[in-house]
Structures are given as C-alpha cells and as structure tokens.
C-alpha cells in the first residue's frame, strides 16, 4: 500500500492502492467537506500516514463514500477494471457555506 504520484499536466493525483480498489486523491481540488472522513473514518484518517487505507473497508462501501466527494478530489478504480463514472449531466449546487459544489465531469476529465 502507500501512495504514488502521477502527473497529469498541472494536476498531481496520488494513488492509494488496495487489494480490490485504488483510490486517487487530488489535493488542489479538495474542498475539505470531510464526506470521506465522516463516511469511513477507518479508511480516511488524516492523523495517519498514509491517510487513505483502501483495505480498511469493503471495496463497494468505499466506492460509495468516494462518490460522495463534492469536489471530485477523490476517485476510485476497482482492481477488476470497474472505474468511477462521473454523473451526467454535471450538477452545480451551493453547500451550506455558500460555496459552489460541482458533481460530474471536470475540465480535466473531458476528452481532448
């Protein structure tokens, strides 16, 4: 386990590999809504290193929590080949603090 970084233009994603699922995290997109930490504190623990431990929960449950990420900073890919599909159409809403939250494809996810 652990994290590995992959460069994607300006964005850097860090991958956390588990036996059945890999979770990626892109810090510059994170809104710190803490959906992940509240949803699965046994996987997402900011006091530990690595702070994402994919084998701490069943892959399907982890995928469900990752899909709640309002910024798309967290994504997943199942070892058997299944990957997260962003919701379509893209939705833009405001959270309780007034920030805009985007669910769907980001500019970096669109085909060239």
N, C-alpha and C. Protein backbone atom coordinates (compact mmCIF):
# COMPACT_ATOMS: atom_id res chain seq x y z
N UNK A 1 0.83 -1.18 0.00
CA UNK A 1 0.00 0.00 0.00
C UNK A 1 0.87 1.23 0.00
N UNK A 2 0.26 2.38 0.27
CA UNK A 2 1.01 3.62 0.22
C UNK A 2 0.49 4.47 -0.89
N UNK A 3 1.19 5.50 -1.23
CA UNK A 3 0.72 6.40 -2.27
C UNK A 3 1.78 6.57 -3.32
N UNK A 4 1.34 6.74 -4.55
CA UNK A 4 2.27 7.06 -5.63
C UNK A 4 1.68 8.23 -6.39
N UNK A 5 2.55 9.12 -6.87
CA UNK A 5 2.07 10.31 -7.56
C UNK A 5 2.17 10.11 -9.05
N UNK A 6 1.16 10.62 -9.76
CA UNK A 6 1.15 10.61 -11.22
C UNK A 6 0.88 12.02 -11.68
N UNK A 7 1.68 12.51 -12.60
CA UNK A 7 1.47 13.86 -13.11
C UNK A 7 0.45 13.87 -14.23
N UNK A 8 -0.45 14.80 -14.21
CA UNK A 8 -1.46 14.99 -15.27
C UNK A 8 -1.50 16.48 -15.57
N UNK A 9 -0.54 16.96 -16.36
CA UNK A 9 -0.49 18.39 -16.63
C UNK A 9 -0.20 19.12 -15.34
N UNK A 10 -1.07 20.05 -14.97
CA UNK A 10 -0.88 20.82 -13.74
C UNK A 10 -1.32 20.04 -12.50
N UNK A 11 -2.19 19.07 -12.70
CA UNK A 11 -2.74 18.34 -11.57
C UNK A 11 -1.83 17.17 -11.19
N UNK A 12 -1.71 16.91 -9.91
CA UNK A 12 -0.99 15.74 -9.44
C UNK A 12 -1.95 14.92 -8.60
N UNK A 13 -2.17 13.68 -9.01
CA UNK A 13 -3.00 12.78 -8.24
C UNK A 13 -2.11 11.82 -7.49
N UNK A 14 -2.52 11.47 -6.30
CA UNK A 14 -1.80 10.48 -5.52
C UNK A 14 -2.70 9.25 -5.45
N UNK A 15 -2.14 8.09 -5.76
CA UNK A 15 -2.91 6.85 -5.79
C UNK A 15 -2.62 6.02 -4.54
N UNK A 16 -3.68 5.50 -3.94
CA UNK A 16 -3.59 4.63 -2.77
C UNK A 16 -4.16 3.28 -3.17
N UNK A 17 -3.30 2.30 -3.32
CA UNK A 17 -3.71 1.01 -3.86
C UNK A 17 -4.06 0.03 -2.75
N UNK A 18 -5.23 -0.60 -2.91
CA UNK A 18 -5.66 -1.67 -2.02
C UNK A 18 -5.75 -2.96 -2.80
N UNK A 19 -6.17 -4.02 -2.16
CA UNK A 19 -6.27 -5.31 -2.83
C UNK A 19 -7.38 -5.33 -3.87
N UNK A 20 -8.49 -4.61 -3.63
CA UNK A 20 -9.63 -4.65 -4.55
C UNK A 20 -9.99 -3.31 -5.16
N UNK A 21 -9.41 -2.23 -4.62
CA UNK A 21 -9.77 -0.89 -5.10
C UNK A 21 -8.57 0.05 -4.92
N UNK A 22 -8.41 0.95 -5.86
CA UNK A 22 -7.42 2.01 -5.76
C UNK A 22 -8.16 3.33 -5.67
N UNK A 23 -7.80 4.14 -4.70
CA UNK A 23 -8.41 5.46 -4.51
C UNK A 23 -7.36 6.50 -4.87
N UNK A 24 -7.75 7.48 -5.68
CA UNK A 24 -6.85 8.57 -6.00
C UNK A 24 -7.33 9.84 -5.31
N UNK A 25 -6.36 10.71 -5.03
CA UNK A 25 -6.67 11.97 -4.36
C UNK A 25 -5.90 13.09 -5.03
N UNK A 26 -6.62 14.16 -5.37
CA UNK A 26 -6.03 15.33 -6.00
C UNK A 26 -6.25 16.51 -5.05
N UNK A 27 -5.21 16.86 -4.29
CA UNK A 27 -5.32 17.84 -3.20
C UNK A 27 -5.84 19.19 -3.67
N UNK A 28 -5.44 19.66 -4.85
CA UNK A 28 -5.83 21.01 -5.28
C UNK A 28 -7.34 21.12 -5.53
N UNK A 29 -8.03 19.99 -5.71
CA UNK A 29 -9.48 20.02 -5.93
C UNK A 29 -10.29 19.89 -4.65
N UNK A 30 -9.64 19.50 -3.56
CA UNK A 30 -10.36 19.18 -2.33
C UNK A 30 -10.99 20.43 -1.71
N UNK A 31 -12.25 20.31 -1.31
CA UNK A 31 -12.98 21.39 -0.65
C UNK A 31 -13.01 21.20 0.87
N UNK A 32 -12.43 20.12 1.36
CA UNK A 32 -12.40 19.79 2.78
C UNK A 32 -13.80 19.69 3.38
N UNK A 33 -14.72 19.11 2.61
CA UNK A 33 -16.08 18.89 3.09
C UNK A 33 -16.12 17.74 4.09
N UNK A 34 -15.09 16.90 4.10
CA UNK A 34 -14.92 15.78 5.05
C UNK A 34 -15.96 14.68 4.89
N UNK A 35 -16.58 14.58 3.73
CA UNK A 35 -17.52 13.48 3.47
C UNK A 35 -16.82 12.14 3.64
N UNK A 36 -15.58 12.07 3.20
CA UNK A 36 -14.82 10.81 3.28
C UNK A 36 -14.52 10.46 4.73
N UNK A 37 -14.03 11.42 5.49
CA UNK A 37 -13.64 11.18 6.89
C UNK A 37 -14.86 10.79 7.72
N UNK A 38 -15.98 11.48 7.51
CA UNK A 38 -17.21 11.14 8.24
C UNK A 38 -17.77 9.80 7.77
N UNK A 39 -17.66 9.52 6.47
CA UNK A 39 -18.24 8.30 5.91
C UNK A 39 -17.50 7.04 6.27
N UNK A 40 -16.16 7.09 6.29
CA UNK A 40 -15.35 5.91 6.60
C UNK A 40 -14.07 6.32 7.34
N UNK A 41 -14.20 6.68 8.60
CA UNK A 41 -13.01 7.11 9.34
C UNK A 41 -11.94 6.02 9.45
N UNK A 42 -12.34 4.75 9.31
CA UNK A 42 -11.36 3.66 9.36
C UNK A 42 -10.51 3.59 8.09
N UNK A 43 -10.93 4.25 7.03
CA UNK A 43 -10.16 4.32 5.78
C UNK A 43 -9.49 5.67 5.64
N UNK A 44 -10.22 6.75 5.91
CA UNK A 44 -9.72 8.12 5.74
C UNK A 44 -9.40 8.70 7.12
N UNK A 45 -8.12 8.70 7.47
CA UNK A 45 -7.69 9.17 8.78
C UNK A 45 -6.53 10.15 8.58
N UNK A 46 -6.82 11.43 8.69
CA UNK A 46 -5.81 12.47 8.42
C UNK A 46 -4.68 12.49 9.45
N UNK A 47 -4.83 11.75 10.57
CA UNK A 47 -3.76 11.68 11.57
C UNK A 47 -2.79 10.54 11.28
N UNK A 48 -3.07 9.71 10.28
CA UNK A 48 -2.22 8.57 9.95
C UNK A 48 -1.51 8.79 8.63
N UNK A 49 -0.45 8.04 8.39
CA UNK A 49 0.24 8.03 7.10
C UNK A 49 0.41 6.60 6.65
N UNK A 50 -0.03 6.19 5.50
CA UNK A 50 -0.80 7.01 4.58
C UNK A 50 -2.18 7.29 5.17
N UNK A 51 -2.76 8.41 4.78
CA UNK A 51 -4.04 8.82 5.38
C UNK A 51 -5.24 8.14 4.72
N UNK A 52 -5.03 7.53 3.55
CA UNK A 52 -6.09 6.74 2.90
C UNK A 52 -5.63 5.30 2.90
N UNK A 53 -6.43 4.41 3.49
CA UNK A 53 -6.12 2.99 3.59
C UNK A 53 -7.27 2.19 2.98
N UNK A 54 -7.19 1.94 1.67
CA UNK A 54 -8.30 1.31 0.94
C UNK A 54 -8.74 -0.05 1.47
N UNK A 55 -7.86 -0.79 2.10
CA UNK A 55 -8.24 -2.11 2.59
C UNK A 55 -8.94 -2.05 3.94
N UNK A 56 -9.24 -0.85 4.43
CA UNK A 56 -9.93 -0.70 5.71
C UNK A 56 -11.43 -0.89 5.63
N UNK A 57 -11.97 -1.11 4.43
CA UNK A 57 -13.41 -1.32 4.26
C UNK A 57 -13.63 -2.11 2.98
N UNK A 58 -14.82 -2.66 2.83
CA UNK A 58 -15.18 -3.37 1.60
C UNK A 58 -15.12 -2.39 0.42
N UNK A 59 -14.67 -2.87 -0.72
CA UNK A 59 -14.48 -2.02 -1.91
C UNK A 59 -15.76 -1.30 -2.31
N UNK A 60 -16.90 -1.98 -2.30
CA UNK A 60 -18.16 -1.34 -2.72
C UNK A 60 -18.56 -0.22 -1.76
N UNK A 61 -18.36 -0.44 -0.47
CA UNK A 61 -18.68 0.60 0.52
C UNK A 61 -17.75 1.80 0.35
N UNK A 62 -16.47 1.53 0.12
CA UNK A 62 -15.51 2.60 -0.10
C UNK A 62 -15.86 3.39 -1.36
N UNK A 63 -16.23 2.69 -2.43
CA UNK A 63 -16.62 3.36 -3.67
C UNK A 63 -17.82 4.27 -3.43
N UNK A 64 -18.78 3.79 -2.63
CA UNK A 64 -19.96 4.59 -2.32
C UNK A 64 -19.58 5.90 -1.62
N UNK A 65 -18.67 5.83 -0.66
CA UNK A 65 -18.23 7.02 0.06
C UNK A 65 -17.43 7.94 -0.84
N UNK A 66 -16.57 7.38 -1.68
CA UNK A 66 -15.78 8.21 -2.61
C UNK A 66 -16.70 8.98 -3.56
N UNK A 67 -17.78 8.36 -4.01
CA UNK A 67 -18.72 9.03 -4.91
C UNK A 67 -19.39 10.23 -4.26
N UNK A 68 -19.40 10.31 -2.94
CA UNK A 68 -19.99 11.45 -2.23
C UNK A 68 -19.09 12.68 -2.23
N UNK A 69 -17.85 12.54 -2.64
CA UNK A 69 -16.91 13.66 -2.62
C UNK A 69 -17.45 14.79 -3.49
N UNK A 70 -17.77 15.94 -2.92
CA UNK A 70 -18.39 17.01 -3.70
C UNK A 70 -17.48 17.66 -4.72
N UNK A 71 -16.18 17.55 -4.54
CA UNK A 71 -15.25 18.21 -5.46
C UNK A 71 -14.69 17.29 -6.54
N UNK A 72 -14.82 15.99 -6.35
CA UNK A 72 -14.19 15.04 -7.27
C UNK A 72 -12.72 14.86 -6.98
N UNK A 73 -12.25 15.36 -5.84
CA UNK A 73 -10.83 15.21 -5.48
C UNK A 73 -10.48 13.75 -5.25
N UNK A 74 -11.44 12.96 -4.83
CA UNK A 74 -11.26 11.54 -4.64
C UNK A 74 -11.98 10.79 -5.73
N UNK A 75 -11.31 9.82 -6.30
CA UNK A 75 -11.92 8.95 -7.30
C UNK A 75 -11.43 7.54 -7.03
N UNK A 76 -12.01 6.56 -7.72
CA UNK A 76 -11.60 5.18 -7.47
C UNK A 76 -11.58 4.39 -8.76
N UNK A 77 -10.87 3.28 -8.69
CA UNK A 77 -10.87 2.28 -9.76
C UNK A 77 -10.80 0.92 -9.08
N UNK A 78 -11.73 0.05 -9.47
CA UNK A 78 -11.75 -1.29 -8.91
C UNK A 78 -10.68 -2.13 -9.61
N UNK A 79 -10.04 -3.01 -8.88
CA UNK A 79 -8.98 -3.84 -9.44
C UNK A 79 -9.50 -4.69 -10.59
N UNK A 80 -10.78 -5.10 -10.53
CA UNK A 80 -11.35 -5.91 -11.61
C UNK A 80 -11.67 -5.10 -12.86
N UNK A 81 -11.30 -3.82 -12.86
CA UNK A 81 -11.47 -3.00 -14.05
C UNK A 81 -12.58 -1.97 -13.98
N UNK A 82 -13.47 -2.08 -13.02
CA UNK A 82 -14.54 -1.11 -12.91
C UNK A 82 -14.01 0.22 -12.42
N UNK A 83 -14.43 1.30 -13.07
CA UNK A 83 -13.97 2.63 -12.67
C UNK A 83 -15.18 3.52 -12.40
N UNK A 84 -14.92 4.57 -11.67
CA UNK A 84 -15.96 5.54 -11.37
C UNK A 84 -16.38 6.26 -12.64
N UNK A 85 -17.67 6.41 -12.82
CA UNK A 85 -18.21 7.17 -13.94
C UNK A 85 -18.83 8.44 -13.37
N UNK A 86 -18.34 9.61 -13.80
CA UNK A 86 -18.90 10.84 -13.26
C UNK A 86 -20.37 10.99 -13.65
N UNK A 87 -21.17 11.57 -12.75
CA UNK A 87 -22.59 11.76 -13.07
C UNK A 87 -22.76 12.70 -14.27
N UNK A 88 -23.75 12.41 -15.07
CA UNK A 88 -24.08 13.27 -16.21
C UNK A 88 -25.57 13.54 -16.14
N UNK A 89 -26.03 14.69 -16.36
CA UNK A 89 -25.24 15.88 -16.64
C UNK A 89 -24.57 16.38 -15.36
N UNK A 90 -23.57 17.21 -15.53
CA UNK A 90 -22.88 17.82 -14.40
C UNK A 90 -23.87 18.70 -13.64
N UNK A 91 -23.86 18.58 -12.30
CA UNK A 91 -24.74 19.39 -11.45
C UNK A 91 -23.90 20.38 -10.66
N UNK A 92 -24.40 21.59 -10.53
CA UNK A 92 -23.74 22.62 -9.73
C UNK A 92 -24.74 23.08 -8.68
N UNK A 93 -24.33 22.98 -7.40
CA UNK A 93 -25.19 23.39 -6.29
C UNK A 93 -24.37 24.23 -5.32
N UNK A 94 -25.02 24.78 -4.32
CA UNK A 94 -24.32 25.51 -3.25
C UNK A 94 -24.39 24.67 -1.98
N UNK A 95 -23.29 24.65 -1.23
CA UNK A 95 -23.32 23.95 0.05
C UNK A 95 -23.80 24.91 1.13
N UNK A 96 -23.80 24.44 2.37
CA UNK A 96 -24.34 25.24 3.47
C UNK A 96 -23.53 26.51 3.74
N UNK A 97 -22.28 26.56 3.26
CA UNK A 97 -21.46 27.76 3.45
C UNK A 97 -21.53 28.71 2.26
N UNK A 98 -22.26 28.32 1.22
CA UNK A 98 -22.40 29.16 0.05
C UNK A 98 -21.43 28.83 -1.08
N UNK A 99 -20.51 27.89 -0.85
CA UNK A 99 -19.58 27.51 -1.91
C UNK A 99 -20.29 26.70 -2.98
N UNK A 100 -19.83 26.86 -4.21
CA UNK A 100 -20.37 26.06 -5.30
C UNK A 100 -19.76 24.67 -5.26
N UNK A 101 -20.60 23.66 -5.47
CA UNK A 101 -20.17 22.27 -5.49
C UNK A 101 -20.55 21.70 -6.85
N UNK A 102 -19.58 21.10 -7.54
CA UNK A 102 -19.79 20.55 -8.87
C UNK A 102 -19.71 19.03 -8.80
N UNK A 103 -20.74 18.34 -9.28
CA UNK A 103 -20.75 16.89 -9.39
C UNK A 103 -20.81 16.55 -10.87
N UNK A 104 -19.80 15.85 -11.36
CA UNK A 104 -19.79 15.46 -12.76
C UNK A 104 -18.39 15.57 -13.32
N UNK A 105 -18.31 15.70 -14.64
CA UNK A 105 -17.02 15.76 -15.29
C UNK A 105 -16.38 17.13 -15.09
N UNK A 106 -15.10 17.11 -14.77
CA UNK A 106 -14.37 18.36 -14.68
C UNK A 106 -13.68 18.61 -16.01
N UNK A 107 -13.12 19.77 -16.17
CA UNK A 107 -12.42 20.09 -17.41
C UNK A 107 -11.28 19.11 -17.64
N UNK A 108 -10.63 18.63 -16.57
CA UNK A 108 -9.52 17.68 -16.73
C UNK A 108 -10.01 16.29 -17.10
N UNK A 109 -11.33 15.99 -16.93
CA UNK A 109 -11.87 14.69 -17.26
C UNK A 109 -12.35 14.60 -18.70
N UNK A 110 -12.51 15.73 -19.38
CA UNK A 110 -13.09 15.74 -20.71
C UNK A 110 -12.08 15.24 -21.74
N UNK A 111 -12.54 14.55 -22.79
CA UNK A 111 -11.62 14.11 -23.84
C UNK A 111 -11.02 15.29 -24.56
N UNK A 112 -9.81 15.11 -25.08
CA UNK A 112 -9.12 16.20 -25.79
C UNK A 112 -9.65 16.35 -27.20
